[in-house]
């Protein structure tokens, strides 16, 4: 199975989980991360903005939103601590 096929399968699984619990910020954050890994940055941005709307105190949502915007820059992303 290719990396793109694996990501597509995981995206579908995350979307299915969100059908059951649409306001789960952790699952939505995961979906956004999967979108980013698949190069689907617009969808990643939407997902991470939704994470912030659901739970503004969840730092992962804001951090990952920043990573979504990072490809527009010319330098590599900062190391994750």
PDB file of N, CA and C in Angstrom:
ATOM      1  N   UNK A   1       0.852  -1.174   0.000  1.00  0.00           N
ATOM      2  CA  UNK A   1       0.000   0.000   0.000  1.00  0.00           C
ATOM      3  C   UNK A   1       0.901   1.242   0.000  1.00  0.00           C
ATOM      4  N   UNK A   2       0.619   2.178  -0.874  1.00  0.00           N
ATOM      5  CA  UNK A   2       1.428   3.390  -0.954  1.00  0.00           C
ATOM      6  C   UNK A   2       1.095   4.331   0.203  1.00  0.00           C
ATOM      7  N   UNK A   3       1.976   5.284   0.418  1.00  0.00           N
ATOM      8  CA  UNK A   3       1.772   6.275   1.477  1.00  0.00           C
ATOM      9  C   UNK A   3       0.491   7.067   1.230  1.00  0.00           C
ATOM     10  N   UNK A   4       0.239   7.453  -0.007  1.00  0.00           N
ATOM     11  CA  UNK A   4      -0.974   8.211  -0.325  1.00  0.00           C
ATOM     12  C   UNK A   4      -2.233   7.377  -0.076  1.00  0.00           C
ATOM     13  N   UNK A   5      -2.184   6.093  -0.388  1.00  0.00           N
ATOM     14  CA  UNK A   5      -3.334   5.221  -0.130  1.00  0.00           C
ATOM     15  C   UNK A   5      -3.566   5.067   1.369  1.00  0.00           C
ATOM     16  N   UNK A   6      -2.478   4.926   2.121  1.00  0.00           N
ATOM     17  CA  UNK A   6      -2.590   4.805   3.571  1.00  0.00           C
ATOM     18  C   UNK A   6      -3.194   6.067   4.174  1.00  0.00           C
ATOM     19  N   UNK A   7      -2.720   7.235   3.713  1.00  0.00           N
ATOM     20  CA  UNK A   7      -3.261   8.502   4.212  1.00  0.00           C
ATOM     21  C   UNK A   7      -4.733   8.643   3.851  1.00  0.00           C
ATOM     22  N   UNK A   8      -5.097   8.274   2.636  1.00  0.00           N
ATOM     23  CA  UNK A   8      -6.498   8.366   2.213  1.00  0.00           C
ATOM     24  C   UNK A   8      -7.382   7.485   3.091  1.00  0.00           C
ATOM     25  N   UNK A   9      -6.900   6.303   3.419  1.00  0.00           N
ATOM     26  CA  UNK A   9      -7.662   5.393   4.281  1.00  0.00           C
ATOM     27  C   UNK A   9      -7.806   5.974   5.683  1.00  0.00           C
ATOM     28  N   UNK A  10      -6.729   6.524   6.216  1.00  0.00           N
ATOM     29  CA  UNK A  10      -6.780   7.115   7.552  1.00  0.00           C
ATOM     30  C   UNK A  10      -7.673   8.351   7.588  1.00  0.00           C
ATOM     31  N   UNK A  11      -7.671   9.142   6.522  1.00  0.00           N
ATOM     32  CA  UNK A  11      -8.556  10.310   6.440  1.00  0.00           C
ATOM     33  C   UNK A  11     -10.008   9.851   6.485  1.00  0.00           C
ATOM     34  N   UNK A  12     -10.326   8.823   5.742  1.00  0.00           N
ATOM     35  CA  UNK A  12     -11.710   8.318   5.751  1.00  0.00           C
ATOM     36  C   UNK A  12     -12.096   7.800   7.133  1.00  0.00           C
ATOM     37  N   UNK A  13     -11.182   7.134   7.817  1.00  0.00           N
ATOM     38  CA  UNK A  13     -11.457   6.647   9.173  1.00  0.00           C
ATOM     39  C   UNK A  13     -11.705   7.810  10.130  1.00  0.00           C
ATOM     40  N   UNK A  14     -10.890   8.859  10.027  1.00  0.00           N
ATOM     41  CA  UNK A  14     -11.061  10.026  10.903  1.00  0.00           C
ATOM     42  C   UNK A  14     -12.391  10.724  10.611  1.00  0.00           C
ATOM     43  N   UNK A  15     -12.763  10.822   9.334  1.00  0.00           N
ATOM     44  CA  UNK A  15     -14.040  11.440   8.983  1.00  0.00           C
ATOM     45  C   UNK A  15     -15.211  10.618   9.514  1.00  0.00           C
ATOM     46  N   UNK A  16     -15.080   9.302   9.471  1.00  0.00           N
ATOM     47  CA  UNK A  16     -16.126   8.438  10.011  1.00  0.00           C
ATOM     48  C   UNK A  16     -16.261   8.636  11.514  1.00  0.00           C
ATOM     49  N   UNK A  17     -15.135   8.701  12.208  1.00  0.00           N
ATOM     50  CA  UNK A  17     -15.163   8.937  13.662  1.00  0.00           C
ATOM     51  C   UNK A  17     -15.824  10.274  13.976  1.00  0.00           C
ATOM     52  N   UNK A  18     -15.603  11.283  13.140  1.00  0.00           N
ATOM     53  CA  UNK A  18     -16.211  12.600  13.368  1.00  0.00           C
ATOM     54  C   UNK A  18     -17.705  12.607  13.084  1.00  0.00           C
ATOM     55  N   UNK A  19     -18.188  11.646  12.319  1.00  0.00           N
ATOM     56  CA  UNK A  19     -19.627  11.541  12.117  1.00  0.00           C
ATOM     57  C   UNK A  19     -20.299  11.124  13.422  1.00  0.00           C
ATOM     58  N   UNK A  20     -19.581  10.356  14.232  1.00  0.00           N
ATOM     59  CA  UNK A  20     -20.113   9.897  15.519  1.00  0.00           C
ATOM     60  C   UNK A  20     -19.978  10.983  16.578  1.00  0.00           C
ATOM     61  N   UNK A  21     -18.813  11.638  16.594  1.00  0.00           N
ATOM     62  CA  UNK A  21     -18.537  12.697  17.580  1.00  0.00           C
ATOM     63  C   UNK A  21     -18.001  13.925  16.851  1.00  0.00           C
ATOM     64  N   UNK A  22     -18.881  14.719  16.243  1.00  0.00           N
ATOM     65  CA  UNK A  22     -18.438  15.826  15.397  1.00  0.00           C
ATOM     66  C   UNK A  22     -17.675  16.933  16.133  1.00  0.00           C
ATOM     67  N   UNK A  23     -17.843  17.042  17.424  1.00  0.00           N
ATOM     68  CA  UNK A  23     -17.165  18.096  18.170  1.00  0.00           C
ATOM     69  C   UNK A  23     -15.984  17.581  18.982  1.00  0.00           C
ATOM     70  N   UNK A  24     -15.425  16.462  18.577  1.00  0.00           N
ATOM     71  CA  UNK A  24     -14.246  15.914  19.244  1.00  0.00           C
ATOM     72  C   UNK A  24     -13.014  16.649  18.705  1.00  0.00           C
ATOM     73  N   UNK A  25     -12.419  17.543  19.513  1.00  0.00           N
ATOM     74  CA  UNK A  25     -11.297  18.328  19.000  1.00  0.00           C
ATOM     75  C   UNK A  25     -10.064  17.481  18.692  1.00  0.00           C
ATOM     76  N   UNK A  26      -9.876  16.398  19.416  1.00  0.00           N
ATOM     77  CA  UNK A  26      -8.693  15.564  19.202  1.00  0.00           C
ATOM     78  C   UNK A  26      -8.776  14.821  17.864  1.00  0.00           C
ATOM     79  N   UNK A  27      -9.959  14.299  17.557  1.00  0.00           N
ATOM     80  CA  UNK A  27     -10.141  13.597  16.281  1.00  0.00           C
ATOM     81  C   UNK A  27     -10.069  14.583  15.115  1.00  0.00           C
ATOM     82  N   UNK A  28     -10.631  15.780  15.305  1.00  0.00           N
ATOM     83  CA  UNK A  28     -10.575  16.789  14.243  1.00  0.00           C
ATOM     84  C   UNK A  28      -9.137  17.256  14.037  1.00  0.00           C
ATOM     85  N   UNK A  29      -8.371  17.367  15.122  1.00  0.00           N
ATOM     86  CA  UNK A  29      -6.966  17.728  15.020  1.00  0.00           C
ATOM     87  C   UNK A  29      -6.204  16.657  14.237  1.00  0.00           C
ATOM     88  N   UNK A  30      -6.509  15.408  14.533  1.00  0.00           N
ATOM     89  CA  UNK A  30      -5.889  14.292  13.797  1.00  0.00           C
ATOM     90  C   UNK A  30      -6.209  14.384  12.316  1.00  0.00           C
ATOM     91  N   UNK A  31      -7.475  14.674  12.008  1.00  0.00           N
ATOM     92  CA  UNK A  31      -7.879  14.803  10.609  1.00  0.00           C
ATOM     93  C   UNK A  31      -7.093  15.923   9.931  1.00  0.00           C
ATOM     94  N   UNK A  32      -6.959  17.048  10.602  1.00  0.00           N
ATOM     95  CA  UNK A  32      -6.188  18.150  10.034  1.00  0.00           C
ATOM     96  C   UNK A  32      -4.743  17.765   9.777  1.00  0.00           C
ATOM     97  N   UNK A  33      -4.157  17.026  10.711  1.00  0.00           N
ATOM     98  CA  UNK A  33      -2.769  16.573  10.529  1.00  0.00           C
ATOM     99  C   UNK A  33      -2.651  15.623   9.341  1.00  0.00           C
ATOM    100  N   UNK A  34      -3.634  14.742   9.188  1.00  0.00           N
ATOM    101  CA  UNK A  34      -3.621  13.817   8.049  1.00  0.00           C
ATOM    102  C   UNK A  34      -3.759  14.572   6.732  1.00  0.00           C
ATOM    103  N   UNK A  35      -4.642  15.569   6.708  1.00  0.00           N
ATOM    104  CA  UNK A  35      -4.779  16.389   5.502  1.00  0.00           C
ATOM    105  C   UNK A  35      -3.444  17.058   5.154  1.00  0.00           C
ATOM    106  N   UNK A  36      -2.775  17.606   6.173  1.00  0.00           N
ATOM    107  CA  UNK A  36      -1.491  18.269   5.913  1.00  0.00           C
ATOM    108  C   UNK A  36      -0.471  17.277   5.366  1.00  0.00           C
ATOM    109  N   UNK A  37      -0.419  16.084   5.952  1.00  0.00           N
ATOM    110  CA  UNK A  37       0.521  15.058   5.484  1.00  0.00           C
ATOM    111  C   UNK A  37       0.231  14.668   4.040  1.00  0.00           C
ATOM    112  N   UNK A  38      -1.036  14.725   3.670  1.00  0.00           N
ATOM    113  CA  UNK A  38      -1.436  14.368   2.302  1.00  0.00           C
ATOM    114  C   UNK A  38      -1.273  15.546   1.337  1.00  0.00           C
ATOM    115  N   UNK A  39      -0.829  16.700   1.847  1.00  0.00           N
ATOM    116  CA  UNK A  39      -0.648  17.870   0.996  1.00  0.00           C
ATOM    117  C   UNK A  39      -1.929  18.633   0.727  1.00  0.00           C
ATOM    118  N   UNK A  40      -2.967  18.339   1.484  1.00  0.00           N
ATOM    119  CA  UNK A  40      -4.269  18.995   1.310  1.00  0.00           C
ATOM    120  C   UNK A  40      -4.378  20.125   2.333  1.00  0.00           C
ATOM    121  N   UNK A  41      -3.597  21.190   2.093  1.00  0.00           N
ATOM    122  CA  UNK A  41      -3.418  22.237   3.094  1.00  0.00           C
ATOM    123  C   UNK A  41      -4.675  23.047   3.369  1.00  0.00           C
ATOM    124  N   UNK A  42      -5.475  23.327   2.353  1.00  0.00           N
ATOM    125  CA  UNK A  42      -6.700  24.097   2.585  1.00  0.00           C
ATOM    126  C   UNK A  42      -7.640  23.350   3.540  1.00  0.00           C
ATOM    127  N   UNK A  43      -7.748  22.045   3.349  1.00  0.00           N
ATOM    128  CA  UNK A  43      -8.604  21.240   4.222  1.00  0.00           C
ATOM    129  C   UNK A  43      -8.001  21.141   5.629  1.00  0.00           C
ATOM    130  N   UNK A  44      -6.678  21.083   5.710  1.00  0.00           N
ATOM    131  CA  UNK A  44      -6.011  21.056   7.012  1.00  0.00           C
ATOM    132  C   UNK A  44      -6.290  22.336   7.771  1.00  0.00           C
ATOM    133  N   UNK A  45      -6.216  23.464   7.081  1.00  0.00           N
ATOM    134  CA  UNK A  45      -6.474  24.761   7.719  1.00  0.00           C
ATOM    135  C   UNK A  45      -7.897  24.825   8.255  1.00  0.00           C
ATOM    136  N   UNK A  46      -8.853  24.384   7.459  1.00  0.00           N
ATOM    137  CA  UNK A  46     -10.263  24.382   7.898  1.00  0.00           C
ATOM    138  C   UNK A  46     -10.423  23.501   9.143  1.00  0.00           C
ATOM    139  N   UNK A  47      -9.829  22.321   9.118  1.00  0.00           N
ATOM    140  CA  UNK A  47      -9.953  21.403  10.251  1.00  0.00           C
ATOM    141  C   UNK A  47      -9.333  21.998  11.515  1.00  0.00           C
ATOM    142  N   UNK A  48      -8.148  22.591  11.392  1.00  0.00           N
ATOM    143  CA  UNK A  48      -7.490  23.137  12.581  1.00  0.00           C
ATOM    144  C   UNK A  48      -8.181  24.402  13.093  1.00  0.00           C
ATOM    145  N   UNK A  49      -8.765  25.189  12.210  1.00  0.00           N
ATOM    146  CA  UNK A  49      -9.560  26.332  12.676  1.00  0.00           C
ATOM    147  C   UNK A  49     -10.781  25.840  13.449  1.00  0.00           C
ATOM    148  N   UNK A  50     -11.343  24.732  13.006  1.00  0.00           N
ATOM    149  CA  UNK A  50     -12.501  24.154  13.713  1.00  0.00           C
ATOM    150  C   UNK A  50     -12.081  23.647  15.089  1.00  0.00           C
ATOM    151  N   UNK A  51     -10.879  23.063  15.194  1.00  0.00           N
ATOM    152  CA  UNK A  51     -10.364  22.618  16.493  1.00  0.00           C
ATOM    153  C   UNK A  51     -10.317  23.803  17.452  1.00  0.00           C
ATOM    154  N   UNK A  52      -9.796  24.918  16.979  1.00  0.00           N
ATOM    155  CA  UNK A  52      -9.683  26.111  17.823  1.00  0.00           C
ATOM    156  C   UNK A  52     -11.060  26.623  18.218  1.00  0.00           C
ATOM    157  N   UNK A  53     -12.018  26.550  17.303  1.00  0.00           N
ATOM    158  CA  UNK A  53     -13.382  26.988  17.616  1.00  0.00           C
ATOM    159  C   UNK A  53     -14.024  26.080  18.666  1.00  0.00           C
ATOM    160  N   UNK A  54     -13.756  24.786  18.579  1.00  0.00           N
ATOM    161  CA  UNK A  54     -14.332  23.833  19.532  1.00  0.00           C
ATOM    162  C   UNK A  54     -13.688  23.983  20.903  1.00  0.00           C
ATOM    163  N   UNK A  55     -12.358  24.066  20.927  1.00  0.00           N
ATOM    164  CA  UNK A  55     -11.631  24.142  22.193  1.00  0.00           C
ATOM    165  C   UNK A  55     -10.458  25.117  22.064  1.00  0.00           C
ATOM    166  N   UNK A  56     -10.693  26.398  22.356  1.00  0.00           N
ATOM    167  CA  UNK A  56      -9.637  27.398  22.212  1.00  0.00           C
ATOM    168  C   UNK A  56      -8.436  27.162  23.129  1.00  0.00           C
ATOM    169  N   UNK A  57      -8.603  26.338  24.159  1.00  0.00           N
ATOM    170  CA  UNK A  57      -7.510  26.065  25.087  1.00  0.00           C
ATOM    171  C   UNK A  57      -6.625  24.895  24.662  1.00  0.00           C
ATOM    172  N   UNK A  58      -6.997  24.224  23.593  1.00  0.00           N
ATOM    173  CA  UNK A  58      -6.202  23.104  23.101  1.00  0.00           C
ATOM    174  C   UNK A  58      -5.081  23.667  22.222  1.00  0.00           C
ATOM    175  N   UNK A  59      -3.896  23.733  22.789  1.00  0.00           N
ATOM    176  CA  UNK A  59      -2.762  24.360  22.103  1.00  0.00           C
ATOM    177  C   UNK A  59      -2.399  23.648  20.803  1.00  0.00           C
ATOM    178  N   UNK A  60      -2.642  22.356  20.712  1.00  0.00           N
ATOM    179  CA  UNK A  60      -2.302  21.611  19.503  1.00  0.00           C
ATOM    180  C   UNK A  60      -3.008  22.179  18.266  1.00  0.00           C
ATOM    181  N   UNK A  61      -4.228  22.662  18.448  1.00  0.00           N
ATOM    182  CA  UNK A  61      -4.963  23.224  17.311  1.00  0.00           C
ATOM    183  C   UNK A  61      -4.254  24.441  16.737  1.00  0.00           C
ATOM    184  N   UNK A  62      -3.848  25.358  17.602  1.00  0.00           N
ATOM    185  CA  UNK A  62      -3.151  26.567  17.145  1.00  0.00           C
ATOM    186  C   UNK A  62      -1.773  26.223  16.585  1.00  0.00           C
ATOM    187  N   UNK A  63      -1.066  25.322  17.251  1.00  0.00           N
ATOM    188  CA  UNK A  63       0.259  24.915  16.783  1.00  0.00           C
ATOM    189  C   UNK A  63       0.169  24.315  15.385  1.00  0.00           C
ATOM    190  N   UNK A  64      -0.783  23.401  15.209  1.00  0.00           N
ATOM    191  CA  UNK A  64      -0.924  22.732  13.917  1.00  0.00           C
ATOM    192  C   UNK A  64      -1.421  23.676  12.827  1.00  0.00           C
ATOM    193  N   UNK A  65      -2.237  24.648  13.198  1.00  0.00           N
ATOM    194  CA  UNK A  65      -2.660  25.651  12.225  1.00  0.00           C
ATOM    195  C   UNK A  65      -1.441  26.423  11.724  1.00  0.00           C
ATOM    196  N   UNK A  66      -0.531  26.750  12.625  1.00  0.00           N
ATOM    197  CA  UNK A  66       0.703  27.408  12.217  1.00  0.00           C
ATOM    198  C   UNK A  66       1.511  26.552  11.260  1.00  0.00           C
ATOM    199  N   UNK A  67       1.569  25.250  11.519  1.00  0.00           N
ATOM    200  CA  UNK A  67       2.284  24.346  10.607  1.00  0.00           C
ATOM    201  C   UNK A  67       1.605  24.274   9.239  1.00  0.00           C
ATOM    202  N   UNK A  68       0.276  24.398   9.234  1.00  0.00           N
ATOM    203  CA  UNK A  68      -0.449  24.381   7.960  1.00  0.00           C
ATOM    204  C   UNK A  68      -0.021  25.546   7.076  1.00  0.00           C
ATOM    205  N   UNK A  69       0.231  26.683   7.700  1.00  0.00           N
ATOM    206  CA  UNK A  69       0.632  27.866   6.946  1.00  0.00           C
ATOM    207  C   UNK A  69       2.128  27.876   6.633  1.00  0.00           C
ATOM    208  N   UNK A  70       2.903  27.038   7.279  1.00  0.00           N
ATOM    209  CA  UNK A  70       4.355  27.073   7.143  1.00  0.00           C
ATOM    210  C   UNK A  70       4.870  26.840   5.715  1.00  0.00           C
ATOM    211  N   UNK A  71       4.271  25.965   4.904  1.00  0.00           N
ATOM    212  CA  UNK A  71       4.830  25.731   3.560  1.00  0.00           C
ATOM    213  C   UNK A  71       4.957  26.997   2.712  1.00  0.00           C
ATOM    214  N   UNK A  72       4.229  28.044   3.038  1.00  0.00           N
ATOM    215  CA  UNK A  72       4.324  29.288   2.282  1.00  0.00           C
ATOM    216  C   UNK A  72       5.647  30.005   2.568  1.00  0.00           C
ATOM    217  N   UNK A  73       6.338  29.602   3.623  1.00  0.00           N
ATOM    218  CA  UNK A  73       7.630  30.201   3.979  1.00  0.00           C
ATOM    219  C   UNK A  73       8.743  29.466   3.250  1.00  0.00           C
ATOM    220  N   UNK A  74       9.927  30.025   3.305  1.00  0.00           N
ATOM    221  CA  UNK A  74      11.050  29.424   2.585  1.00  0.00           C
ATOM    222  C   UNK A  74      11.953  28.600   3.477  1.00  0.00           C
ATOM    223  N   UNK A  75      11.875  28.771   4.783  1.00  0.00           N
ATOM    224  CA  UNK A  75      12.764  28.026   5.672  1.00  0.00           C
ATOM    225  C   UNK A  75      12.030  26.813   6.234  1.00  0.00           C
ATOM    226  N   UNK A  76      12.772  25.821   6.752  1.00  0.00           N
ATOM    227  CA  UNK A  76      12.122  24.631   7.303  1.00  0.00           C
ATOM    228  C   UNK A  76      11.357  24.965   8.583  1.00  0.00           C
ATOM    229  N   UNK A  77      10.383  24.124   8.949  1.00  0.00           N
ATOM    230  CA  UNK A  77       9.614  24.394  10.165  1.00  0.00           C
ATOM    231  C   UNK A  77      10.494  24.252  11.406  1.00  0.00           C
ATOM    232  N   UNK A  78      10.086  24.893  12.473  1.00  0.00           N
ATOM    233  CA  UNK A  78      10.849  24.769  13.710  1.00  0.00           C
ATOM    234  C   UNK A  78      10.756  23.366  14.259  1.00  0.00           C
ATOM    235  N   UNK A  79      11.728  22.928  15.042  1.00  0.00           N
ATOM    236  CA  UNK A  79      11.649  21.583  15.612  1.00  0.00           C
ATOM    237  C   UNK A  79      10.509  21.491  16.614  1.00  0.00           C
ATOM    238  N   UNK A  80       9.858  20.358  16.639  1.00  0.00           N
ATOM    239  CA  UNK A  80       8.769  20.138  17.599  1.00  0.00           C
ATOM    240  C   UNK A  80       9.380  19.669  18.903  1.00  0.00           C
ATOM    241  N   UNK A  81       9.047  20.348  19.985  1.00  0.00           N
ATOM    242  CA  UNK A  81       9.603  20.018  21.294  1.00  0.00           C
ATOM    243  C   UNK A  81       8.781  18.978  21.998  1.00  0.00           C
TER     244      UNK A  81
END
